[in-house]
Amino acid sequence: MNMKKRWFLCGFFVIGVMGFFPCACAVERTEYRYRSQSESDATGRPVNETFIKPDGTKVVYSSKRLEKAKDTPSSTTLDAPVVDPEQPVIDLRETKANGDVILRATFPEQVVAHVAECVRNEEYDLIWNQLLSVDAKKELQGRGGMKYLNTFFATNRKEVMATLTCMQINLKNGHVMLRKNGETHLTAEFDSTLRGNYRFTTMEFESTPTGMKLVSIR
C-alpha cells in the first residue's frame, strides 16, 4: 500500500456517536460547539453563531476553545458537548506562562481541530507528544518515530490539510460516516460524495483515560 495513503496510527475517542437517548420531559437544551477560523472561511459561516434547531435546541458556535461536558438527563445526544455555564470551563488549547502548550480533547471534532492547527503551524511535536495514541506511537517507532511523522506531514501537508478541513465541515452533516470499533475506537470516513476528491479519506480515534487521541489518517 502506498505509504502516503496508509499513513500512521493515532487516537480517537468514542463519545459522541451513540445517537439519541429518550427524555421523559421537555427541557431546554443548549449545545456549545467550537468553530475555527479555517472552518468559518471554508463554509462562509461566521465563527460565532447562534441558532435554534427545529426541536428547540439552542446551538452556539464559538471561536473560544472553552467546553466542559455535563452528564445530565437534559443531554439527548452524545455527539455534541453540553456545557453548564455556571461550571468552570476548560481551555482546549492552553498556553502556559513558560510557553508550553497543553492540548485537551474529548470529542473527535476537537482532535481534528487540534491536528489541523498543529499542521498549519508545523507543530508536529505537539501531535506526537499530546495527540497520538500509545499504539500509534509504537507503530511509528518502527518506521522512524518523530522523524517519520515530520516527513509525513511535510510531504503531504496540503493533502492532509484538505482532509482535515473537510472533516471539520462535514462531521456533523452526514457526509462523514462514524463507526464504532470496539469499546474505545471510532472511525470517521468520507462518504461516496466526498471520497473521490481527497487523498486521505479516513481518520481513526481512540478514547483514553486522558482524552480522545488520534490513531490514524489514511
C-alpha atoms as a PDB file:
ATOM      1  CA  MET A   1       0.000   0.000   0.000  1.00  0.00           C
ATOM      2  CA  ASN A   2       1.279   3.478  -0.824  1.00  0.00           C
ATOM      3  CA  MET A   3       2.981   4.904   2.274  1.00  0.00           C
ATOM      4  CA  LYS A   4       1.453   8.354   1.709  1.00  0.00           C
ATOM      5  CA  LYS A   5      -2.038   6.916   1.700  1.00  0.00           C
ATOM      6  CA  ARG A   6      -1.548   4.475   4.561  1.00  0.00           C
ATOM      7  CA  TRP A   7      -0.010   6.899   6.992  1.00  0.00           C
ATOM      8  CA  PHE A   8       0.301   6.165  10.673  1.00  0.00           C
ATOM      9  CA  LEU A   9      -1.732   5.261  13.737  1.00  0.00           C
ATOM     10  CA  CYS A  10      -3.228   7.756  16.188  1.00  0.00           C
ATOM     11  CA  GLY A  11      -6.030   8.041  18.757  1.00  0.00           C
ATOM     12  CA  PHE A  12      -9.711   8.913  18.865  1.00  0.00           C
ATOM     13  CA  PHE A  13     -12.484   8.961  21.387  1.00  0.00           C
ATOM     14  CA  VAL A  14     -15.838   7.311  21.064  1.00  0.00           C
ATOM     15  CA  ILE A  15     -18.050   9.700  22.998  1.00  0.00           C
ATOM     16  CA  GLY A  16     -20.327  11.424  20.541  1.00  0.00           C
ATOM     17  CA  VAL A  17     -21.706   8.853  18.096  1.00  0.00           C
ATOM     18  CA  MET A  18     -24.293   6.989  20.112  1.00  0.00           C
ATOM     19  CA  GLY A  19     -27.433   8.518  18.620  1.00  0.00           C
ATOM     20  CA  PHE A  20     -30.337   9.667  20.790  1.00  0.00           C
ATOM     21  CA  PHE A  21     -31.463   8.958  24.324  1.00  0.00           C
ATOM     22  CA  PRO A  22     -35.163   9.439  25.076  1.00  0.00           C
ATOM     23  CA  CYS A  23     -36.048  12.157  27.538  1.00  0.00           C
ATOM     24  CA  ALA A  24     -39.149  11.803  29.664  1.00  0.00           C
ATOM     25  CA  CYS A  25     -39.858  15.509  29.957  1.00  0.00           C
ATOM     26  CA  ALA A  26     -39.396  18.608  27.869  1.00  0.00           C
ATOM     27  CA  VAL A  27     -36.290  20.533  28.845  1.00  0.00           C
ATOM     28  CA  GLU A  28     -34.427  23.491  27.456  1.00  0.00           C
ATOM     29  CA  ARG A  29     -31.105  22.443  25.975  1.00  0.00           C
ATOM     30  CA  THR A  30     -28.068  24.318  24.695  1.00  0.00           C
ATOM     31  CA  GLU A  31     -25.274  22.752  22.667  1.00  0.00           C
ATOM     32  CA  TYR A  32     -21.909  24.532  22.567  1.00  0.00           C
ATOM     33  CA  ARG A  33     -19.663  23.809  19.571  1.00  0.00           C
ATOM     34  CA  TYR A  34     -16.240  25.039  18.548  1.00  0.00           C
ATOM     35  CA  ARG A  35     -15.743  26.603  15.097  1.00  0.00           C
ATOM     36  CA  SER A  36     -12.259  27.519  13.912  1.00  0.00           C
ATOM     37  CA  GLN A  37     -11.440  30.423  11.617  1.00  0.00           C
ATOM     38  CA  SER A  38     -10.445  27.979   8.862  1.00  0.00           C
ATOM     39  CA  GLU A  39     -13.819  26.258   9.046  1.00  0.00           C
ATOM     40  CA  SER A  40     -15.565  29.626   9.032  1.00  0.00           C
ATOM     41  CA  ASP A  41     -13.656  30.680   5.908  1.00  0.00           C
ATOM     42  CA  ALA A  42     -14.400  27.377   4.165  1.00  0.00           C
ATOM     43  CA  THR A  43     -18.134  27.364   4.926  1.00  0.00           C
ATOM     44  CA  GLY A  44     -18.839  31.077   4.686  1.00  0.00           C
ATOM     45  CA  ARG A  45     -20.437  30.986   8.137  1.00  0.00           C
ATOM     46  CA  PRO A  46     -19.427  33.356  10.944  1.00  0.00           C
ATOM     47  CA  VAL A  47     -17.103  31.967  13.588  1.00  0.00           C
ATOM     48  CA  ASN A  48     -19.517  32.950  16.365  1.00  0.00           C
ATOM     49  CA  GLU A  49     -23.095  31.979  15.586  1.00  0.00           C
ATOM     50  CA  THR A  50     -26.257  31.040  17.487  1.00  0.00           C
ATOM     51  CA  PHE A  51     -29.383  29.394  16.117  1.00  0.00           C
ATOM     52  CA  ILE A  52     -32.351  27.278  17.242  1.00  0.00           C
ATOM     53  CA  LYS A  53     -32.845  23.779  15.832  1.00  0.00           C
ATOM     54  CA  PRO A  54     -36.377  22.564  14.904  1.00  0.00           C
ATOM     55  CA  ASP A  55     -36.580  20.606  18.172  1.00  0.00           C
ATOM     56  CA  GLY A  56     -35.981  23.789  20.147  1.00  0.00           C
ATOM     57  CA  THR A  57     -32.342  23.120  20.980  1.00  0.00           C
ATOM     58  CA  LYS A  58     -30.193  26.238  21.068  1.00  0.00           C
ATOM     59  CA  VAL A  59     -26.869  25.730  19.234  1.00  0.00           C
ATOM     60  CA  VAL A  60     -23.999  28.103  19.991  1.00  0.00           C
ATOM     61  CA  TYR A  61     -20.876  28.132  17.807  1.00  0.00           C
ATOM     62  CA  SER A  62     -17.874  29.929  19.247  1.00  0.00           C
ATOM     63  CA  SER A  63     -14.254  30.564  18.408  1.00  0.00           C
ATOM     64  CA  LYS A  64     -13.368  30.079  22.067  1.00  0.00           C
ATOM     65  CA  ARG A  65     -11.962  26.652  22.944  1.00  0.00           C
ATOM     66  CA  LEU A  66     -13.876  26.526  26.196  1.00  0.00           C
ATOM     67  CA  GLU A  67     -16.041  23.496  26.877  1.00  0.00           C
ATOM     68  CA  LYS A  68     -16.972  21.285  29.782  1.00  0.00           C
ATOM     69  CA  ALA A  69     -19.156  18.232  29.290  1.00  0.00           C
ATOM     70  CA  LYS A  70     -22.073  17.835  31.668  1.00  0.00           C
ATOM     71  CA  ASP A  71     -23.728  14.467  32.193  1.00  0.00           C
ATOM     72  CA  THR A  72     -27.370  15.274  32.855  1.00  0.00           C
ATOM     73  CA  PRO A  73     -30.755  13.940  31.695  1.00  0.00           C
ATOM     74  CA  SER A  74     -31.136  17.089  29.560  1.00  0.00           C
ATOM     75  CA  SER A  75     -28.442  15.822  27.207  1.00  0.00           C
ATOM     76  CA  THR A  76     -30.218  13.991  24.397  1.00  0.00           C
ATOM     77  CA  THR A  77     -27.222  13.380  22.157  1.00  0.00           C
ATOM     78  CA  LEU A  78     -23.656  12.325  22.728  1.00  0.00           C
ATOM     79  CA  ASP A  79     -22.280  13.826  19.546  1.00  0.00           C
ATOM     80  CA  ALA A  80     -22.093  17.350  20.929  1.00  0.00           C
ATOM     81  CA  PRO A  81     -20.778  18.569  24.262  1.00  0.00           C
ATOM     82  CA  VAL A  82     -23.317  20.133  26.609  1.00  0.00           C
ATOM     83  CA  VAL A  83     -21.920  22.897  28.775  1.00  0.00           C
ATOM     84  CA  ASP A  84     -23.013  24.180  32.137  1.00  0.00           C
ATOM     85  CA  PRO A  85     -22.249  27.927  32.034  1.00  0.00           C
ATOM     86  CA  GLU A  86     -22.049  28.007  35.846  1.00  0.00           C
ATOM     87  CA  GLN A  87     -19.259  25.410  35.990  1.00  0.00           C
ATOM     88  CA  PRO A  88     -15.544  26.119  35.453  1.00  0.00           C
ATOM     89  CA  VAL A  89     -14.593  25.886  31.794  1.00  0.00           C
ATOM     90  CA  ILE A  90     -11.654  24.038  30.282  1.00  0.00           C
ATOM     91  CA  ASP A  91      -9.362  25.675  27.746  1.00  0.00           C
ATOM     92  CA  LEU A  92      -8.827  23.096  24.999  1.00  0.00           C
ATOM     93  CA  ARG A  93      -5.563  24.775  23.972  1.00  0.00           C
ATOM     94  CA  GLU A  94      -3.826  26.299  26.958  1.00  0.00           C
ATOM     95  CA  THR A  95      -0.555  28.215  26.736  1.00  0.00           C
ATOM     96  CA  LYS A  96       1.371  28.198  29.991  1.00  0.00           C
ATOM     97  CA  ALA A  97       3.423  31.136  31.254  1.00  0.00           C
ATOM     98  CA  ASN A  98       6.617  29.385  30.138  1.00  0.00           C
ATOM     99  CA  GLY A  99       5.255  28.993  26.609  1.00  0.00           C
ATOM    100  CA  ASP A 100       4.326  25.309  26.863  1.00  0.00           C
ATOM    101  CA  VAL A 101       1.099  24.399  25.054  1.00  0.00           C
ATOM    102  CA  ILE A 102      -1.383  21.926  26.547  1.00  0.00           C
ATOM    103  CA  LEU A 103      -3.936  20.339  24.190  1.00  0.00           C
ATOM    104  CA  ARG A 104      -7.142  18.778  25.517  1.00  0.00           C
ATOM    105  CA  ALA A 105      -9.773  16.861  23.555  1.00  0.00           C
ATOM    106  CA  THR A 106     -12.868  14.903  24.498  1.00  0.00           C
ATOM    107  CA  PHE A 107     -14.579  14.616  21.111  1.00  0.00           C
ATOM    108  CA  PRO A 108     -13.384  13.672  17.591  1.00  0.00           C
ATOM    109  CA  GLU A 109     -14.013  17.149  16.209  1.00  0.00           C
ATOM    110  CA  GLN A 110     -11.705  18.587  18.868  1.00  0.00           C
ATOM    111  CA  VAL A 111      -8.931  16.192  17.846  1.00  0.00           C
ATOM    112  CA  VAL A 112      -9.444  17.160  14.205  1.00  0.00           C
ATOM    113  CA  ALA A 113      -9.300  20.858  15.086  1.00  0.00           C
ATOM    114  CA  HIS A 114      -6.116  20.387  17.124  1.00  0.00           C
ATOM    115  CA  VAL A 115      -4.393  18.404  14.382  1.00  0.00           C
ATOM    116  CA  ALA A 116      -5.400  20.983  11.762  1.00  0.00           C
ATOM    117  CA  GLU A 117      -3.950  23.847  13.798  1.00  0.00           C
ATOM    118  CA  CYS A 118      -0.784  21.904  14.562  1.00  0.00           C
ATOM    119  CA  VAL A 119      -0.237  21.030  10.894  1.00  0.00           C
ATOM    120  CA  ARG A 120      -0.947  24.614   9.877  1.00  0.00           C
ATOM    121  CA  ASN A 121       1.646  25.855  12.369  1.00  0.00           C
ATOM    122  CA  GLU A 122       4.019  22.927  11.761  1.00  0.00           C
ATOM    123  CA  GLU A 123       3.758  21.987  15.448  1.00  0.00           C
ATOM    124  CA  TYR A 124       4.364  18.319  14.789  1.00  0.00           C
ATOM    125  CA  ASP A 125       5.911  17.788  18.206  1.00  0.00           C
ATOM    126  CA  LEU A 126       2.540  18.623  19.798  1.00  0.00           C
ATOM    127  CA  ILE A 127       0.856  15.990  17.651  1.00  0.00           C
ATOM    128  CA  TRP A 128       3.433  13.404  18.670  1.00  0.00           C
ATOM    129  CA  ASN A 129       3.522  14.264  22.368  1.00  0.00           C
ATOM    130  CA  GLN A 130      -0.142  15.003  23.057  1.00  0.00           C
ATOM    131  CA  LEU A 131      -2.492  13.855  20.301  1.00  0.00           C
ATOM    132  CA  LEU A 132      -1.258  10.408  19.249  1.00  0.00           C
ATOM    133  CA  SER A 133      -2.455   7.236  20.944  1.00  0.00           C
ATOM    134  CA  VAL A 134       0.044   4.939  22.612  1.00  0.00           C
ATOM    135  CA  ASP A 135      -0.397   2.276  19.911  1.00  0.00           C
ATOM    136  CA  ALA A 136       0.104   4.893  17.196  1.00  0.00           C
ATOM    137  CA  LYS A 137       3.434   5.891  18.690  1.00  0.00           C
ATOM    138  CA  LYS A 138       4.505   2.260  18.945  1.00  0.00           C
ATOM    139  CA  GLU A 139       3.643   1.734  15.288  1.00  0.00           C
ATOM    140  CA  LEU A 140       5.560   4.819  14.225  1.00  0.00           C
ATOM    141  CA  GLN A 141       8.607   3.993  16.308  1.00  0.00           C
ATOM    142  CA  GLY A 142       9.240   1.102  13.953  1.00  0.00           C
ATOM    143  CA  ARG A 143       9.212   3.499  10.999  1.00  0.00           C
ATOM    144  CA  GLY A 144      11.435   6.169  12.454  1.00  0.00           C
ATOM    145  CA  GLY A 145       9.249   7.725  15.133  1.00  0.00           C
ATOM    146  CA  MET A 146       9.132  11.505  15.223  1.00  0.00           C
ATOM    147  CA  LYS A 147      11.252  11.770  12.081  1.00  0.00           C
ATOM    148  CA  TYR A 148       8.716   9.720  10.131  1.00  0.00           C
ATOM    149  CA  LEU A 149       5.877  11.859  11.482  1.00  0.00           C
ATOM    150  CA  ASN A 150       7.606  15.086  10.418  1.00  0.00           C
ATOM    151  CA  THR A 151       8.363  13.686   6.973  1.00  0.00           C
ATOM    152  CA  PHE A 152       4.789  12.516   6.505  1.00  0.00           C
ATOM    153  CA  PHE A 153       3.297  15.909   7.281  1.00  0.00           C
ATOM    154  CA  ALA A 154       5.943  17.843   5.362  1.00  0.00           C
ATOM    155  CA  THR A 155       5.391  15.675   2.285  1.00  0.00           C
ATOM    156  CA  ASN A 156       1.601  15.554   2.458  1.00  0.00           C
ATOM    157  CA  ARG A 157       0.815  18.860   4.184  1.00  0.00           C
ATOM    158  CA  LYS A 158      -1.528  20.223   1.516  1.00  0.00           C
ATOM    159  CA  GLU A 159      -3.475  16.968   1.138  1.00  0.00           C
ATOM    160  CA  VAL A 160      -3.722  16.417   4.902  1.00  0.00           C
ATOM    161  CA  MET A 161      -4.992  19.965   5.482  1.00  0.00           C
ATOM    162  CA  ALA A 162      -7.630  19.483   2.792  1.00  0.00           C
ATOM    163  CA  THR A 163      -8.841  16.337   4.546  1.00  0.00           C
ATOM    164  CA  LEU A 164      -8.839  17.942   7.999  1.00  0.00           C
ATOM    165  CA  THR A 165     -10.765  20.977   6.770  1.00  0.00           C
ATOM    166  CA  CYS A 166     -13.346  18.760   5.078  1.00  0.00           C
ATOM    167  CA  MET A 167     -13.671  16.658   8.241  1.00  0.00           C
ATOM    168  CA  GLN A 168     -14.290  19.771  10.317  1.00  0.00           C
ATOM    169  CA  ILE A 169     -17.016  20.934   7.956  1.00  0.00           C
ATOM    170  CA  ASN A 170     -18.780  17.609   7.443  1.00  0.00           C
ATOM    171  CA  LEU A 171     -18.549  15.720  10.743  1.00  0.00           C
ATOM    172  CA  LYS A 172     -21.999  16.985  11.708  1.00  0.00           C
ATOM    173  CA  ASN A 173     -23.909  16.932   8.427  1.00  0.00           C
ATOM    174  CA  GLY A 174     -23.936  13.251   7.482  1.00  0.00           C
ATOM    175  CA  HIS A 175     -21.195  13.311   4.844  1.00  0.00           C
ATOM    176  CA  VAL A 176     -18.735  11.723   7.270  1.00  0.00           C
ATOM    177  CA  MET A 177     -19.655   8.213   8.387  1.00  0.00           C
ATOM    178  CA  LEU A 178     -18.836   7.414  12.015  1.00  0.00           C
ATOM    179  CA  ARG A 179     -18.377   3.787  13.063  1.00  0.00           C
ATOM    180  CA  LYS A 180     -17.536   2.295  16.438  1.00  0.00           C
ATOM    181  CA  ASN A 181     -14.739  -0.275  16.504  1.00  0.00           C
ATOM    182  CA  GLY A 182     -14.984  -1.995  19.856  1.00  0.00           C
ATOM    183  CA  GLU A 183     -15.451  -0.079  23.070  1.00  0.00           C
ATOM    184  CA  THR A 184     -12.792   2.588  22.621  1.00  0.00           C
ATOM    185  CA  HIS A 185     -12.135   3.111  18.908  1.00  0.00           C
ATOM    186  CA  LEU A 186     -14.058   5.052  16.294  1.00  0.00           C
ATOM    187  CA  THR A 187     -13.580   5.578  12.556  1.00  0.00           C
ATOM    188  CA  ALA A 188     -14.618   8.699  10.625  1.00  0.00           C
ATOM    189  CA  GLU A 189     -14.743   8.228   6.851  1.00  0.00           C
ATOM    190  CA  PHE A 190     -15.899  10.438   3.987  1.00  0.00           C
ATOM    191  CA  ASP A 191     -18.984   9.177   2.189  1.00  0.00           C
ATOM    192  CA  SER A 192     -19.063   8.441  -1.541  1.00  0.00           C
ATOM    193  CA  THR A 193     -19.846  12.075  -2.443  1.00  0.00           C
ATOM    194  CA  LEU A 194     -16.524  13.239  -0.949  1.00  0.00           C
ATOM    195  CA  ARG A 195     -14.201  10.246  -1.062  1.00  0.00           C
ATOM    196  CA  GLY A 196     -13.006  10.651  -4.635  1.00  0.00           C
ATOM    197  CA  ASN A 197     -11.822  14.208  -4.077  1.00  0.00           C
ATOM    198  CA  TYR A 198      -9.262  13.547  -1.348  1.00  0.00           C
ATOM    199  CA  ARG A 199      -6.074  11.526  -0.969  1.00  0.00           C
ATOM    200  CA  PHE A 200      -6.783  10.862   2.700  1.00  0.00           C
ATOM    201  CA  THR A 201     -10.374   9.922   3.457  1.00  0.00           C
ATOM    202  CA  THR A 202     -10.373   8.246   6.873  1.00  0.00           C
ATOM    203  CA  MET A 203      -9.399   9.144  10.427  1.00  0.00           C
ATOM    204  CA  GLU A 204      -9.346   6.794  13.393  1.00  0.00           C
ATOM    205  CA  PHE A 205      -9.627   7.789  17.036  1.00  0.00           C
ATOM    206  CA  GLU A 206      -9.324   6.189  20.449  1.00  0.00           C
ATOM    207  CA  SER A 207     -10.966   7.116  23.730  1.00  0.00           C
ATOM    208  CA  THR A 208      -8.386   7.005  26.511  1.00  0.00           C
ATOM    209  CA  PRO A 209      -8.341   7.965  30.217  1.00  0.00           C
ATOM    210  CA  THR A 210      -6.521  11.154  29.238  1.00  0.00           C
ATOM    211  CA  GLY A 211      -8.917  12.139  26.441  1.00  0.00           C
ATOM    212  CA  MET A 212      -9.566  11.467  22.790  1.00  0.00           C
ATOM    213  CA  LYS A 213      -6.478  10.548  20.746  1.00  0.00           C
ATOM    214  CA  LEU A 214      -5.626  10.193  17.077  1.00  0.00           C
ATOM    215  CA  VAL A 215      -4.931   6.698  15.773  1.00  0.00           C
ATOM    216  CA  SER A 216      -4.531   7.240  12.048  1.00  0.00           C
ATOM    217  CA  ILE A 217      -5.025   9.373   8.981  1.00  0.00           C
ATOM    218  CA  ARG A 218      -5.238   7.328   5.796  1.00  0.00           C
END
